[in-house]
Amino acid sequence: MTTHFITAEIDLQETPLKLSQEIESQLEQEGEPLRWAVTQIDKEKQTATVEAIVTKEEVTQEN
């Protein structure tokens, strides 16, 4: 298992609950989120920048 630091740009949602669900959904595409934080909001583009720590299973190739 490896740990990765990632950033993602998420479209702002109508409610905080929907925003949280969208963030979790996007992060799960990268691995298992351990923690995340919204670090920046762009009002003009209506996006949030999220920084996260995720874990991924290591893929080993067998000969």
C-alpha atoms as a PDB file:
ATOM      1  CA  MET A   1       0.000   0.000   0.000  1.00  0.00           C
ATOM      2  CA  THR A   2       1.312   3.444  -0.888  1.00  0.00           C
ATOM      3  CA  THR A   3       0.317   6.914   0.273  1.00  0.00           C
ATOM      4  CA  HIS A   4      -0.092   9.814  -2.165  1.00  0.00           C
ATOM      5  CA  PHE A   5      -0.661  13.552  -1.789  1.00  0.00           C
ATOM      6  CA  ILE A   6      -3.067  14.811  -4.443  1.00  0.00           C
ATOM      7  CA  THR A   7      -4.865  18.014  -5.360  1.00  0.00           C
ATOM      8  CA  ALA A   8      -8.205  18.189  -7.134  1.00  0.00           C
ATOM      9  CA  GLU A   9     -10.385  20.959  -8.501  1.00  0.00           C
ATOM     10  CA  ILE A  10     -14.057  20.426  -7.651  1.00  0.00           C
ATOM     11  CA  ASP A  11     -17.052  22.367  -8.943  1.00  0.00           C
ATOM     12  CA  LEU A  12     -18.892  24.117  -6.116  1.00  0.00           C
ATOM     13  CA  GLN A  13     -22.227  22.523  -5.232  1.00  0.00           C
ATOM     14  CA  GLU A  14     -25.537  23.920  -3.988  1.00  0.00           C
ATOM     15  CA  THR A  15     -25.092  22.708  -0.393  1.00  0.00           C
ATOM     16  CA  PRO A  16     -22.142  21.789   1.843  1.00  0.00           C
ATOM     17  CA  LEU A  17     -23.411  18.182   2.014  1.00  0.00           C
ATOM     18  CA  LYS A  18     -23.419  17.859  -1.787  1.00  0.00           C
ATOM     19  CA  LEU A  19     -19.960  19.435  -1.952  1.00  0.00           C
ATOM     20  CA  SER A  20     -18.635  16.938   0.591  1.00  0.00           C
ATOM     21  CA  GLN A  21     -20.158  14.028  -1.352  1.00  0.00           C
ATOM     22  CA  GLU A  22     -18.671  15.296  -4.634  1.00  0.00           C
ATOM     23  CA  ILE A  23     -15.227  15.672  -3.058  1.00  0.00           C
ATOM     24  CA  GLU A  24     -15.336  12.146  -1.620  1.00  0.00           C
ATOM     25  CA  SER A  25     -16.506  10.747  -4.952  1.00  0.00           C
ATOM     26  CA  GLN A  26     -13.675  12.434  -6.866  1.00  0.00           C
ATOM     27  CA  LEU A  27     -11.040  11.355  -4.339  1.00  0.00           C
ATOM     28  CA  GLU A  28     -12.179   7.726  -4.364  1.00  0.00           C
ATOM     29  CA  GLN A  29     -11.207   7.601  -8.041  1.00  0.00           C
ATOM     30  CA  GLU A  30      -7.609   8.183  -6.903  1.00  0.00           C
ATOM     31  CA  GLY A  31      -7.580   5.757  -3.972  1.00  0.00           C
ATOM     32  CA  GLU A  32      -8.877   5.486  -0.408  1.00  0.00           C
ATOM     33  CA  PRO A  33      -9.042   8.998   1.090  1.00  0.00           C
ATOM     34  CA  LEU A  34      -7.449   9.259   4.538  1.00  0.00           C
ATOM     35  CA  ARG A  35      -8.043  12.978   4.951  1.00  0.00           C
ATOM     36  CA  TRP A  36      -8.768  15.998   2.816  1.00  0.00           C
ATOM     37  CA  ALA A  37      -9.190  19.768   3.103  1.00  0.00           C
ATOM     38  CA  VAL A  38     -10.560  22.563   0.930  1.00  0.00           C
ATOM     39  CA  THR A  39      -7.574  24.889   0.574  1.00  0.00           C
ATOM     40  CA  GLN A  40      -8.851  27.471  -1.895  1.00  0.00           C
ATOM     41  CA  ILE A  41     -12.120  28.768  -3.390  1.00  0.00           C
ATOM     42  CA  ASP A  42     -12.245  30.451  -6.796  1.00  0.00           C
ATOM     43  CA  LYS A  43     -15.441  32.503  -6.834  1.00  0.00           C
ATOM     44  CA  GLU A  44     -15.115  33.404 -10.527  1.00  0.00           C
ATOM     45  CA  LYS A  45     -14.731  29.812 -11.731  1.00  0.00           C
ATOM     46  CA  GLN A  46     -16.984  28.466  -8.945  1.00  0.00           C
ATOM     47  CA  THR A  47     -14.462  25.787  -7.995  1.00  0.00           C
ATOM     48  CA  ALA A  48     -12.822  24.544  -4.817  1.00  0.00           C
ATOM     49  CA  THR A  49      -9.250  23.280  -4.641  1.00  0.00           C
ATOM     50  CA  VAL A  50      -8.933  20.204  -2.435  1.00  0.00           C
ATOM     51  CA  GLU A  51      -5.712  18.717  -1.066  1.00  0.00           C
ATOM     52  CA  ALA A  52      -5.873  15.118   0.076  1.00  0.00           C
ATOM     53  CA  ILE A  53      -3.910  12.127   1.289  1.00  0.00           C
ATOM     54  CA  VAL A  54      -5.025   8.853  -0.307  1.00  0.00           C
ATOM     55  CA  THR A  55      -3.753   5.294  -0.149  1.00  0.00           C
ATOM     56  CA  LYS A  56      -3.522   2.904  -3.074  1.00  0.00           C
ATOM     57  CA  GLU A  57      -2.866  -0.795  -3.272  1.00  0.00           C
ATOM     58  CA  GLU A  58       0.463  -1.548  -4.891  1.00  0.00           C
ATOM     59  CA  VAL A  59       0.152  -3.554  -8.080  1.00  0.00           C
ATOM     60  CA  THR A  60       2.843  -6.191  -8.391  1.00  0.00           C
ATOM     61  CA  GLN A  61       3.480  -8.014 -11.614  1.00  0.00           C
ATOM     62  CA  GLU A  62       4.215 -11.707 -11.429  1.00  0.00           C
ATOM     63  CA  ASN A  63       6.613 -13.248 -13.914  1.00  0.00           C
END
